[in-house]
Amino acid sequence: VSHRPNEIQGEWGTIEIDEITAPREIALSLRARGGAPASHTADR
């Protein structure tokens, strides 16, 4: 059994996904760049 999230890493940020069979909780984390602050948002 594993409970780790699924992850997509980009150069500007990361997308985290709860279940790959049925994505319901999706989090977007962006690092600070180009004068914009770091941010974190979550979609249900």
PDB file of all heavy atoms in Angstrom:
ATOM      1  N   VAL A   1       0.849  -1.195   0.000  1.00  0.00           N
ATOM      2  CA  VAL A   1       0.000   0.000   0.000  1.00  0.00           C
ATOM      3  C   VAL A   1       0.884   1.245   0.000  1.00  0.00           C
ATOM      4  O   VAL A   1       1.931   1.271   0.644  1.00  0.00           O
ATOM      5  CB  VAL A   1      -0.922   0.030   1.238  1.00  0.00           C
ATOM      6  CG1 VAL A   1      -1.745   1.318   1.264  1.00  0.00           C
ATOM      7  CG2 VAL A   1      -1.843  -1.179   1.250  1.00  0.00           C
ATOM      8  N   SER A   2       0.456   2.263  -0.732  1.00  0.00           N
ATOM      9  CA  SER A   2       1.149   3.546  -0.709  1.00  0.00           C
ATOM     10  C   SER A   2       0.112   4.657  -0.611  1.00  0.00           C
ATOM     11  O   SER A   2      -0.958   4.581  -1.227  1.00  0.00           O
ATOM     12  CB  SER A   2       1.976   3.741  -1.977  1.00  0.00           C
ATOM     13  OG  SER A   2       2.519   5.043  -2.015  1.00  0.00           O
ATOM     14  N   HIS A   3       0.453   5.675   0.156  1.00  0.00           N
ATOM     15  CA  HIS A   3      -0.437   6.836   0.288  1.00  0.00           C
ATOM     16  C   HIS A   3       0.246   8.110  -0.201  1.00  0.00           C
ATOM     17  O   HIS A   3      -0.239   9.209   0.043  1.00  0.00           O
ATOM     18  CB  HIS A   3      -0.865   7.003   1.748  1.00  0.00           C
ATOM     19  CG  HIS A   3      -1.578   5.808   2.305  1.00  0.00           C
ATOM     20  ND1 HIS A   3      -2.842   5.446   1.881  1.00  0.00           N
ATOM     21  CD2 HIS A   3      -1.193   4.883   3.220  1.00  0.00           C
ATOM     22  CE1 HIS A   3      -3.216   4.345   2.533  1.00  0.00           C
ATOM     23  NE2 HIS A   3      -2.234   3.986   3.336  1.00  0.00           N
ATOM     24  N   ARG A   4       1.357   7.957  -0.891  1.00  0.00           N
ATOM     25  CA  ARG A   4       2.066   9.145  -1.364  1.00  0.00           C
ATOM     26  C   ARG A   4       1.311   9.791  -2.517  1.00  0.00           C
ATOM     27  O   ARG A   4       0.660   9.100  -3.319  1.00  0.00           O
ATOM     28  CB  ARG A   4       3.481   8.785  -1.797  1.00  0.00           C
ATOM     29  CG  ARG A   4       3.570   7.967  -3.081  1.00  0.00           C
ATOM     30  CD  ARG A   4       5.020   7.813  -3.532  1.00  0.00           C
ATOM     31  NE  ARG A   4       5.159   7.045  -4.752  1.00  0.00           N
ATOM     32  CZ  ARG A   4       5.003   7.553  -5.970  1.00  0.00           C
ATOM     33  NH1 ARG A   4       4.676   8.818  -6.115  1.00  0.00           N
ATOM     34  NH2 ARG A   4       5.155   6.796  -7.039  1.00  0.00           N
ATOM     35  N   PRO A   5       1.387  11.106  -2.634  1.00  0.00           N
ATOM     36  CA  PRO A   5       0.716  11.775  -3.753  1.00  0.00           C
ATOM     37  C   PRO A   5       1.474  11.572  -5.055  1.00  0.00           C
ATOM     38  O   PRO A   5       2.646  11.172  -5.063  1.00  0.00           O
ATOM     39  CB  PRO A   5       0.746  13.245  -3.335  1.00  0.00           C
ATOM     40  CG  PRO A   5       1.962  13.355  -2.469  1.00  0.00           C
ATOM     41  CD  PRO A   5       2.033  12.043  -1.721  1.00  0.00           C
ATOM     42  N   ASN A   6       0.812  11.840  -6.137  1.00  0.00           N
ATOM     43  CA  ASN A   6       1.427  11.840  -7.459  1.00  0.00           C
ATOM     44  C   ASN A   6       1.908  13.264  -7.747  1.00  0.00           C
ATOM     45  O   ASN A   6       1.291  14.235  -7.304  1.00  0.00           O
ATOM     46  CB  ASN A   6       0.417  11.389  -8.508  1.00  0.00           C
ATOM     47  CG  ASN A   6      -0.114  10.002  -8.219  1.00  0.00           C
ATOM     48  OD1 ASN A   6       0.488   9.007  -8.571  1.00  0.00           O
ATOM     49  ND2 ASN A   6      -1.265   9.923  -7.542  1.00  0.00           N
ATOM     50  N   GLU A   7       2.980  13.377  -8.520  1.00  0.00           N
ATOM     51  CA  GLU A   7       3.600  14.690  -8.655  1.00  0.00           C
ATOM     52  C   GLU A   7       4.120  14.929 -10.062  1.00  0.00           C
ATOM     53  O   GLU A   7       4.661  14.032 -10.701  1.00  0.00           O
ATOM     54  CB  GLU A   7       4.755  14.777  -7.653  1.00  0.00           C
ATOM     55  CG  GLU A   7       5.343  16.162  -7.478  1.00  0.00           C
ATOM     56  CD  GLU A   7       6.408  16.171  -6.398  1.00  0.00           C
ATOM     57  OE1 GLU A   7       7.495  15.611  -6.646  1.00  0.00           O
ATOM     58  OE2 GLU A   7       6.150  16.715  -5.312  1.00  0.00           O
ATOM     59  N   ILE A   8       3.961  16.167 -10.509  1.00  0.00           N
ATOM     60  CA  ILE A   8       4.540  16.638 -11.762  1.00  0.00           C
ATOM     61  C   ILE A   8       5.404  17.841 -11.431  1.00  0.00           C
ATOM     62  O   ILE A   8       4.898  18.856 -10.941  1.00  0.00           O
ATOM     63  CB  ILE A   8       3.464  17.029 -12.792  1.00  0.00           C
ATOM     64  CG1 ILE A   8       2.503  15.861 -13.057  1.00  0.00           C
ATOM     65  CG2 ILE A   8       4.105  17.495 -14.098  1.00  0.00           C
ATOM     66  CD1 ILE A   8       1.321  16.233 -13.934  1.00  0.00           C
ATOM     67  N   GLN A   9       6.698  17.747 -11.682  1.00  0.00           N
ATOM     68  CA  GLN A   9       7.627  18.825 -11.369  1.00  0.00           C
ATOM     69  C   GLN A   9       8.021  19.574 -12.633  1.00  0.00           C
ATOM     70  O   GLN A   9       8.519  18.979 -13.590  1.00  0.00           O
ATOM     71  CB  GLN A   9       8.894  18.280 -10.713  1.00  0.00           C
ATOM     72  CG  GLN A   9       8.689  17.635  -9.362  1.00  0.00           C
ATOM     73  CD  GLN A   9       9.992  17.115  -8.794  1.00  0.00           C
ATOM     74  OE1 GLN A   9      11.072  17.579  -9.159  1.00  0.00           O
ATOM     75  NE2 GLN A   9       9.897  16.148  -7.896  1.00  0.00           N
ATOM     76  N   GLY A  10       7.785  20.878 -12.612  1.00  0.00           N
ATOM     77  CA  GLY A  10       8.241  21.748 -13.682  1.00  0.00           C
ATOM     78  C   GLY A  10       9.309  22.690 -13.169  1.00  0.00           C
ATOM     79  O   GLY A  10       9.569  22.748 -11.963  1.00  0.00           O
ATOM     80  N   GLU A  11       9.917  23.449 -14.052  1.00  0.00           N
ATOM     81  CA  GLU A  11      10.961  24.381 -13.629  1.00  0.00           C
ATOM     82  C   GLU A  11      10.399  25.556 -12.832  1.00  0.00           C
ATOM     83  O   GLU A  11      11.130  26.200 -12.077  1.00  0.00           O
ATOM     84  CB  GLU A  11      11.728  24.888 -14.851  1.00  0.00           C
ATOM     85  CG  GLU A  11      12.543  23.803 -15.538  1.00  0.00           C
ATOM     86  CD  GLU A  11      13.429  24.351 -16.638  1.00  0.00           C
ATOM     87  OE1 GLU A  11      13.471  25.592 -16.830  1.00  0.00           O
ATOM     88  OE2 GLU A  11      14.093  23.543 -17.324  1.00  0.00           O
ATOM     89  N   TRP A  12       9.111  25.830 -12.982  1.00  0.00           N
ATOM     90  CA  TRP A  12       8.519  26.962 -12.275  1.00  0.00           C
ATOM     91  C   TRP A  12       7.646  26.539 -11.092  1.00  0.00           C
ATOM     92  O   TRP A  12       7.255  27.373 -10.290  1.00  0.00           O
ATOM     93  CB  TRP A  12       7.652  27.787 -13.225  1.00  0.00           C
ATOM     94  CG  TRP A  12       8.350  28.225 -14.471  1.00  0.00           C
ATOM     95  CD1 TRP A  12       9.690  28.307 -14.693  1.00  0.00           C
ATOM     96  CD2 TRP A  12       7.719  28.645 -15.684  1.00  0.00           C
ATOM     97  NE1 TRP A  12       9.954  28.743 -15.960  1.00  0.00           N
ATOM     98  CE2 TRP A  12       8.765  28.964 -16.600  1.00  0.00           C
ATOM     99  CE3 TRP A  12       6.403  28.802 -16.100  1.00  0.00           C
ATOM    100  CZ2 TRP A  12       8.510  29.427 -17.884  1.00  0.00           C
ATOM    101  CZ3 TRP A  12       6.139  29.248 -17.387  1.00  0.00           C
ATOM    102  CH2 TRP A  12       7.189  29.553 -18.278  1.00  0.00           C
ATOM    103  N   GLY A  13       7.310  25.264 -11.016  1.00  0.00           N
ATOM    104  CA  GLY A  13       6.445  24.831  -9.930  1.00  0.00           C
ATOM    105  C   GLY A  13       6.095  23.362 -10.020  1.00  0.00           C
ATOM    106  O   GLY A  13       6.652  22.623 -10.839  1.00  0.00           O
ATOM    107  N   THR A  14       5.161  22.949  -9.172  1.00  0.00           N
ATOM    108  CA  THR A  14       4.816  21.534  -9.027  1.00  0.00           C
ATOM    109  C   THR A  14       3.304  21.365  -8.942  1.00  0.00           C
ATOM    110  O   THR A  14       2.609  22.170  -8.316  1.00  0.00           O
ATOM    111  CB  THR A  14       5.468  20.957  -7.752  1.00  0.00           C
ATOM    112  OG1 THR A  14       6.883  21.100  -7.847  1.00  0.00           O
ATOM    113  CG2 THR A  14       5.118  19.494  -7.570  1.00  0.00           C
ATOM    114  N   ILE A  15       2.816  20.290  -9.572  1.00  0.00           N
ATOM    115  CA  ILE A  15       1.416  19.894  -9.438  1.00  0.00           C
ATOM    116  C   ILE A  15       1.378  18.599  -8.646  1.00  0.00           C
ATOM    117  O   ILE A  15       2.088  17.646  -8.979  1.00  0.00           O
ATOM    118  CB  ILE A  15       0.753  19.681 -10.819  1.00  0.00           C
ATOM    119  CG1 ILE A  15       0.760  20.977 -11.623  1.00  0.00           C
ATOM    120  CG2 ILE A  15      -0.684  19.167 -10.646  1.00  0.00           C
ATOM    121  CD1 ILE A  15       0.327  20.792 -13.069  1.00  0.00           C
ATOM    122  N   GLU A  16       0.550  18.572  -7.614  1.00  0.00           N
ATOM    123  CA  GLU A  16       0.403  17.381  -6.778  1.00  0.00           C
ATOM    124  C   GLU A  16      -1.021  16.854  -6.941  1.00  0.00           C
ATOM    125  O   GLU A  16      -1.990  17.617  -6.893  1.00  0.00           O
ATOM    126  CB  GLU A  16       0.675  17.740  -5.320  1.00  0.00           C
ATOM    127  CG  GLU A  16       0.910  16.566  -4.416  1.00  0.00           C
ATOM    128  CD  GLU A  16       1.362  17.000  -3.027  1.00  0.00           C
ATOM    129  OE1 GLU A  16       2.570  17.243  -2.842  1.00  0.00           O
ATOM    130  OE2 GLU A  16       0.492  17.107  -2.134  1.00  0.00           O
ATOM    131  N   ILE A  17      -1.145  15.546  -7.138  1.00  0.00           N
ATOM    132  CA  ILE A  17      -2.436  14.903  -7.427  1.00  0.00           C
ATOM    133  C   ILE A  17      -2.662  13.801  -6.408  1.00  0.00           C
ATOM    134  O   ILE A  17      -1.761  13.011  -6.124  1.00  0.00           O
ATOM    135  CB  ILE A  17      -2.431  14.295  -8.843  1.00  0.00           C
ATOM    136  CG1 ILE A  17      -2.004  15.338  -9.875  1.00  0.00           C
ATOM    137  CG2 ILE A  17      -3.788  13.705  -9.198  1.00  0.00           C
ATOM    138  CD1 ILE A  17      -1.550  14.738 -11.194  1.00  0.00           C
ATOM    139  N   ASP A  18      -3.882  13.722  -5.872  1.00  0.00           N
ATOM    140  CA  ASP A  18      -4.138  12.704  -4.840  1.00  0.00           C
ATOM    141  C   ASP A  18      -4.193  11.294  -5.425  1.00  0.00           C
ATOM    142  O   ASP A  18      -3.354  10.457  -5.122  1.00  0.00           O
ATOM    143  CB  ASP A  18      -5.403  13.035  -4.046  1.00  0.00           C
ATOM    144  CG  ASP A  18      -6.653  13.135  -4.913  1.00  0.00           C
ATOM    145  OD1 ASP A  18      -6.543  13.226  -6.154  1.00  0.00           O
ATOM    146  OD2 ASP A  18      -7.773  13.141  -4.342  1.00  0.00           O
ATOM    147  N   GLU A  19      -5.177  10.995  -6.246  1.00  0.00           N
ATOM    148  CA  GLU A  19      -5.368   9.654  -6.791  1.00  0.00           C
ATOM    149  C   GLU A  19      -5.241   9.686  -8.304  1.00  0.00           C
ATOM    150  O   GLU A  19      -5.970  10.416  -8.974  1.00  0.00           O
ATOM    151  CB  GLU A  19      -6.743   9.099  -6.408  1.00  0.00           C
ATOM    152  CG  GLU A  19      -6.938   8.849  -4.916  1.00  0.00           C
ATOM    153  CD  GLU A  19      -6.117   7.673  -4.428  1.00  0.00           C
ATOM    154  OE1 GLU A  19      -5.719   6.833  -5.260  1.00  0.00           O
ATOM    155  OE2 GLU A  19      -5.864   7.595  -3.213  1.00  0.00           O
ATOM    156  N   ILE A  20      -4.357   8.874  -8.845  1.00  0.00           N
ATOM    157  CA  ILE A  20      -4.163   8.890 -10.292  1.00  0.00           C
ATOM    158  C   ILE A  20      -5.328   8.228 -11.015  1.00  0.00           C
ATOM    159  O   ILE A  20      -5.549   8.473 -12.205  1.00  0.00           O
ATOM    160  CB  ILE A  20      -2.820   8.224 -10.665  1.00  0.00           C
ATOM    161  CG1 ILE A  20      -2.304   8.785 -12.003  1.00  0.00           C
ATOM    162  CG2 ILE A  20      -2.943   6.709 -10.697  1.00  0.00           C
ATOM    163  CD1 ILE A  20      -1.983  10.259 -11.966  1.00  0.00           C
ATOM    164  N   THR A  21      -6.102   7.383 -10.326  1.00  0.00           N
ATOM    165  CA  THR A  21      -7.257   6.744 -10.958  1.00  0.00           C
ATOM    166  C   THR A  21      -8.467   7.672 -11.019  1.00  0.00           C
ATOM    167  O   THR A  21      -9.329   7.510 -11.880  1.00  0.00           O
ATOM    168  CB  THR A  21      -7.659   5.471 -10.203  1.00  0.00           C
ATOM    169  OG1 THR A  21      -7.916   5.801  -8.829  1.00  0.00           O
ATOM    170  CG2 THR A  21      -6.566   4.420 -10.279  1.00  0.00           C
ATOM    171  N   ALA A  22      -8.529   8.647 -10.102  1.00  0.00           N
ATOM    172  CA  ALA A  22      -9.650   9.586 -10.064  1.00  0.00           C
ATOM    173  C   ALA A  22      -9.178  10.862  -9.374  1.00  0.00           C
ATOM    174  O   ALA A  22      -9.415  11.057  -8.181  1.00  0.00           O
ATOM    175  CB  ALA A  22     -10.841   8.988  -9.320  1.00  0.00           C
ATOM    176  N   PRO A  23      -8.494  11.752 -10.091  1.00  0.00           N
ATOM    177  CA  PRO A  23      -7.942  12.966  -9.461  1.00  0.00           C
ATOM    178  C   PRO A  23      -9.049  13.863  -8.899  1.00  0.00           C
ATOM    179  O   PRO A  23      -9.934  14.297  -9.630  1.00  0.00           O
ATOM    180  CB  PRO A  23      -7.224  13.654 -10.620  1.00  0.00           C
ATOM    181  CG  PRO A  23      -6.972  12.579 -11.634  1.00  0.00           C
ATOM    182  CD  PRO A  23      -8.143  11.658 -11.511  1.00  0.00           C
ATOM    183  N   ARG A  24      -8.977  14.119  -7.595  1.00  0.00           N
ATOM    184  CA  ARG A  24      -9.977  14.980  -6.950  1.00  0.00           C
ATOM    185  C   ARG A  24      -9.334  16.147  -6.211  1.00  0.00           C
ATOM    186  O   ARG A  24      -9.877  17.232  -6.173  1.00  0.00           O
ATOM    187  CB  ARG A  24     -10.849  14.146  -5.992  1.00  0.00           C
ATOM    188  CG  ARG A  24     -11.774  13.171  -6.692  1.00  0.00           C
ATOM    189  CD  ARG A  24     -12.826  13.874  -7.524  1.00  0.00           C
ATOM    190  NE  ARG A  24     -13.597  12.973  -8.369  1.00  0.00           N
ATOM    191  CZ  ARG A  24     -13.316  12.707  -9.636  1.00  0.00           C
ATOM    192  NH1 ARG A  24     -12.265  13.273 -10.212  1.00  0.00           N
ATOM    193  NH2 ARG A  24     -14.068  11.895 -10.339  1.00  0.00           N
ATOM    194  N   GLU A  25      -8.205  15.923  -5.579  1.00  0.00           N
ATOM    195  CA  GLU A  25      -7.471  16.986  -4.892  1.00  0.00           C
ATOM    196  C   GLU A  25      -6.209  17.300  -5.706  1.00  0.00           C
ATOM    197  O   GLU A  25      -5.320  16.457  -5.844  1.00  0.00           O
ATOM    198  CB  GLU A  25      -7.077  16.550  -3.481  1.00  0.00           C
ATOM    199  CG  GLU A  25      -8.253  16.143  -2.595  1.00  0.00           C
ATOM    200  CD  GLU A  25      -9.105  17.326  -2.163  1.00  0.00           C
ATOM    201  OE1 GLU A  25      -8.614  18.472  -2.274  1.00  0.00           O
ATOM    202  OE2 GLU A  25     -10.244  17.107  -1.724  1.00  0.00           O
ATOM    203  N   ILE A  26      -6.159  18.497  -6.261  1.00  0.00           N
ATOM    204  CA  ILE A  26      -5.045  18.891  -7.123  1.00  0.00           C
ATOM    205  C   ILE A  26      -4.455  20.186  -6.588  1.00  0.00           C
ATOM    206  O   ILE A  26      -5.148  21.200  -6.483  1.00  0.00           O
ATOM    207  CB  ILE A  26      -5.516  19.073  -8.576  1.00  0.00           C
ATOM    208  CG1 ILE A  26      -6.136  17.771  -9.095  1.00  0.00           C
ATOM    209  CG2 ILE A  26      -4.359  19.504  -9.472  1.00  0.00           C
ATOM    210  CD1 ILE A  26      -6.840  17.912 -10.424  1.00  0.00           C
ATOM    211  N   ALA A  27      -3.187  20.142  -6.217  1.00  0.00           N
ATOM    212  CA  ALA A  27      -2.521  21.313  -5.649  1.00  0.00           C
ATOM    213  C   ALA A  27      -1.466  21.832  -6.613  1.00  0.00           C
ATOM    214  O   ALA A  27      -0.714  21.056  -7.217  1.00  0.00           O
ATOM    215  CB  ALA A  27      -1.873  20.958  -4.317  1.00  0.00           C
ATOM    216  N   LEU A  28      -1.417  23.152  -6.740  1.00  0.00           N
ATOM    217  CA  LEU A  28      -0.441  23.818  -7.600  1.00  0.00           C
ATOM    218  C   LEU A  28       0.453  24.701  -6.745  1.00  0.00           C
ATOM    219  O   LEU A  28      -0.028  25.599  -6.049  1.00  0.00           O
ATOM    220  CB  LEU A  28      -1.160  24.667  -8.657  1.00  0.00           C
ATOM    221  CG  LEU A  28      -0.287  25.595  -9.509  1.00  0.00           C
ATOM    222  CD1 LEU A  28       0.644  24.791 -10.399  1.00  0.00           C
ATOM    223  CD2 LEU A  28      -1.165  26.533 -10.343  1.00  0.00           C
ATOM    224  N   SER A  29       1.748  24.438  -6.771  1.00  0.00           N
ATOM    225  CA  SER A  29       2.719  25.247  -6.035  1.00  0.00           C
ATOM    226  C   SER A  29       3.680  25.883  -7.026  1.00  0.00           C
ATOM    227  O   SER A  29       4.320  25.179  -7.817  1.00  0.00           O
ATOM    228  CB  SER A  29       3.499  24.383  -5.038  1.00  0.00           C
ATOM    229  OG  SER A  29       2.632  23.808  -4.081  1.00  0.00           O
ATOM    230  N   LEU A  30       3.776  27.203  -6.992  1.00  0.00           N
ATOM    231  CA  LEU A  30       4.656  27.942  -7.881  1.00  0.00           C
ATOM    232  C   LEU A  30       5.747  28.620  -7.062  1.00  0.00           C
ATOM    233  O   LEU A  30       5.473  29.238  -6.035  1.00  0.00           O
ATOM    234  CB  LEU A  30       3.874  28.986  -8.673  1.00  0.00           C
ATOM    235  CG  LEU A  30       2.750  28.457  -9.580  1.00  0.00           C
ATOM    236  CD1 LEU A  30       2.011  29.615 -10.239  1.00  0.00           C
ATOM    237  CD2 LEU A  30       3.307  27.511 -10.630  1.00  0.00           C
ATOM    238  N   ARG A  31       6.986  28.522  -7.511  1.00  0.00           N
ATOM    239  CA  ARG A  31       8.081  29.174  -6.806  1.00  0.00           C
ATOM    240  C   ARG A  31       8.136  30.650  -7.194  1.00  0.00           C
ATOM    241  O   ARG A  31       7.599  31.061  -8.236  1.00  0.00           O
ATOM    242  CB  ARG A  31       9.406  28.484  -7.127  1.00  0.00           C
ATOM    243  CG  ARG A  31       9.871  28.611  -8.556  1.00  0.00           C
ATOM    244  CD  ARG A  31      11.256  28.009  -8.752  1.00  0.00           C
ATOM    245  NE  ARG A  31      11.734  28.132 -10.120  1.00  0.00           N
ATOM    246  CZ  ARG A  31      12.291  29.226 -10.627  1.00  0.00           C
ATOM    247  NH1 ARG A  31      12.426  30.317  -9.868  1.00  0.00           N
ATOM    248  NH2 ARG A  31      12.725  29.254 -11.883  1.00  0.00           N
ATOM    249  N   ALA A  32       8.768  31.442  -6.363  1.00  0.00           N
ATOM    250  CA  ALA A  32       8.934  32.856  -6.670  1.00  0.00           C
ATOM    251  C   ALA A  32       9.843  33.010  -7.889  1.00  0.00           C
ATOM    252  O   ALA A  32      10.901  32.387  -7.970  1.00  0.00           O
ATOM    253  CB  ALA A  32       9.543  33.575  -5.470  1.00  0.00           C
ATOM    254  N   ARG A  33       9.403  33.813  -8.839  1.00  0.00           N
ATOM    255  CA  ARG A  33      10.210  34.025 -10.052  1.00  0.00           C
ATOM    256  C   ARG A  33       9.752  35.294 -10.753  1.00  0.00           C
ATOM    257  O   ARG A  33       8.563  35.650 -10.714  1.00  0.00           O
ATOM    258  CB  ARG A  33      10.129  32.834 -11.010  1.00  0.00           C
ATOM    259  CG  ARG A  33       8.720  32.474 -11.434  1.00  0.00           C
ATOM    260  CD  ARG A  33       8.697  31.268 -12.368  1.00  0.00           C
ATOM    261  NE  ARG A  33       9.265  31.540 -13.651  1.00  0.00           N
ATOM    262  CZ  ARG A  33       8.568  31.990 -14.700  1.00  0.00           C
ATOM    263  NH1 ARG A  33       7.271  32.250 -14.574  1.00  0.00           N
ATOM    264  NH2 ARG A  33       9.168  32.182 -15.841  1.00  0.00           N
ATOM    265  N   GLY A  34      10.682  35.975 -11.377  1.00  0.00           N
ATOM    266  CA  GLY A  34      10.347  37.170 -12.156  1.00  0.00           C
ATOM    267  C   GLY A  34       9.642  38.244 -11.364  1.00  0.00           C
ATOM    268  O   GLY A  34       8.811  38.969 -11.918  1.00  0.00           O
ATOM    269  N   GLY A  35       9.915  38.326 -10.082  1.00  0.00           N
ATOM    270  CA  GLY A  35       9.267  39.334  -9.249  1.00  0.00           C
ATOM    271  C   GLY A  35       7.945  38.891  -8.656  1.00  0.00           C
ATOM    272  O   GLY A  35       7.400  39.568  -7.777  1.00  0.00           O
ATOM    273  N   ALA A  36       7.404  37.760  -9.130  1.00  0.00           N
ATOM    274  CA  ALA A  36       6.137  37.252  -8.573  1.00  0.00           C
ATOM    275  C   ALA A  36       6.435  36.411  -7.335  1.00  0.00           C
ATOM    276  O   ALA A  36       7.424  35.676  -7.300  1.00  0.00           O
ATOM    277  CB  ALA A  36       5.409  36.416  -9.608  1.00  0.00           C
ATOM    278  N   PRO A  37       5.603  36.506  -6.302  1.00  0.00           N
ATOM    279  CA  PRO A  37       5.837  35.726  -5.086  1.00  0.00           C
ATOM    280  C   PRO A  37       5.489  34.253  -5.292  1.00  0.00           C
ATOM    281  O   PRO A  37       4.770  33.895  -6.230  1.00  0.00           O
ATOM    282  CB  PRO A  37       4.890  36.364  -4.074  1.00  0.00           C
ATOM    283  CG  PRO A  37       3.758  36.893  -4.917  1.00  0.00           C
ATOM    284  CD  PRO A  37       4.414  37.359  -6.195  1.00  0.00           C
ATOM    285  N   ALA A  38       6.008  33.415  -4.430  1.00  0.00           N
ATOM    286  CA  ALA A  38       5.619  32.005  -4.446  1.00  0.00           C
ATOM    287  C   ALA A  38       4.139  31.894  -4.100  1.00  0.00           C
ATOM    288  O   ALA A  38       3.583  32.734  -3.382  1.00  0.00           O
ATOM    289  CB  ALA A  38       6.461  31.219  -3.445  1.00  0.00           C
ATOM    290  N   SER A  39       3.486  30.859  -4.616  1.00  0.00           N
ATOM    291  CA  SER A  39       2.056  30.696  -4.337  1.00  0.00           C
ATOM    292  C   SER A  39       1.697  29.219  -4.249  1.00  0.00           C
ATOM    293  O   SER A  39       2.395  28.355  -4.782  1.00  0.00           O
ATOM    294  CB  SER A  39       1.209  31.364  -5.427  1.00  0.00           C
ATOM    295  OG  SER A  39       1.384  30.709  -6.674  1.00  0.00           O
ATOM    296  N   HIS A  40       0.592  28.954  -3.566  1.00  0.00           N
ATOM    297  CA  HIS A  40       0.077  27.595  -3.443  1.00  0.00           C
ATOM    298  C   HIS A  40      -1.444  27.650  -3.501  1.00  0.00           C
ATOM    299  O   HIS A  40      -2.072  28.384  -2.739  1.00  0.00           O
ATOM    300  CB  HIS A  40       0.523  26.959  -2.126  1.00  0.00           C
ATOM    301  CG  HIS A  40       0.004  25.565  -1.935  1.00  0.00           C
ATOM    302  ND1 HIS A  40       0.641  24.454  -2.459  1.00  0.00           N
ATOM    303  CD2 HIS A  40      -1.110  25.109  -1.308  1.00  0.00           C
ATOM    304  CE1 HIS A  40      -0.046  23.370  -2.145  1.00  0.00           C
ATOM    305  NE2 HIS A  40      -1.111  23.742  -1.454  1.00  0.00           N
ATOM    306  N   THR A  41      -2.018  26.922  -4.431  1.00  0.00           N
ATOM    307  CA  THR A  41      -3.472  26.854  -4.548  1.00  0.00           C
ATOM    308  C   THR A  41      -3.899  25.395  -4.614  1.00  0.00           C
ATOM    309  O   THR A  41      -3.129  24.530  -5.040  1.00  0.00           O
ATOM    310  CB  THR A  41      -3.976  27.584  -5.810  1.00  0.00           C
ATOM    311  OG1 THR A  41      -3.342  27.013  -6.973  1.00  0.00           O
ATOM    312  CG2 THR A  41      -3.668  29.072  -5.743  1.00  0.00           C
ATOM    313  N   ALA A  42      -5.113  25.132  -4.192  1.00  0.00           N
ATOM    314  CA  ALA A  42      -5.641  23.764  -4.201  1.00  0.00           C
ATOM    315  C   ALA A  42      -7.013  23.751  -4.840  1.00  0.00           C
ATOM    316  O   ALA A  42      -7.863  24.596  -4.544  1.00  0.00           O
ATOM    317  CB  ALA A  42      -5.708  23.209  -2.783  1.00  0.00           C
ATOM    318  N   ASP A  43      -7.225  22.794  -5.727  1.00  0.00           N
ATOM    319  CA  ASP A  43      -8.518  22.601  -6.389  1.00  0.00           C
ATOM    320  C   ASP A  43      -9.178  21.341  -5.860  1.00  0.00           C
ATOM    321  O   ASP A  43      -8.517  20.313  -5.675  1.00  0.00           O
ATOM    322  CB  ASP A  43      -8.341  22.430  -7.905  1.00  0.00           C
ATOM    323  CG  ASP A  43      -8.054  23.739  -8.610  1.00  0.00           C
ATOM    324  OD1 ASP A  43      -8.123  24.792  -7.943  1.00  0.00           O
ATOM    325  OD2 ASP A  43      -7.759  23.718  -9.811  1.00  0.00           O
ATOM    326  N   ARG A  44     -10.465  21.425  -5.640  1.00  0.00           N
ATOM    327  CA  ARG A  44     -11.264  20.237  -5.350  1.00  0.00           C
ATOM    328  C   ARG A  44     -12.150  19.983  -6.552  1.00  0.00           C
ATOM    329  O   ARG A  44     -13.003  20.801  -6.891  1.00  0.00           O
ATOM    330  CB  ARG A  44     -12.115  20.441  -4.092  1.00  0.00           C
ATOM    331  CG  ARG A  44     -13.150  19.338  -3.842  1.00  0.00           C
ATOM    332  CD  ARG A  44     -12.509  18.004  -3.555  1.00  0.00           C
ATOM    333  NE  ARG A  44     -13.507  16.925  -3.521  1.00  0.00           N
ATOM    334  CZ  ARG A  44     -13.213  15.654  -3.351  1.00  0.00           C
ATOM    335  NH1 ARG A  44     -11.957  15.284  -3.195  1.00  0.00           N
ATOM    336  NH2 ARG A  44     -14.139  14.729  -3.348  1.00  0.00           N
TER     337      ARG A  44
END
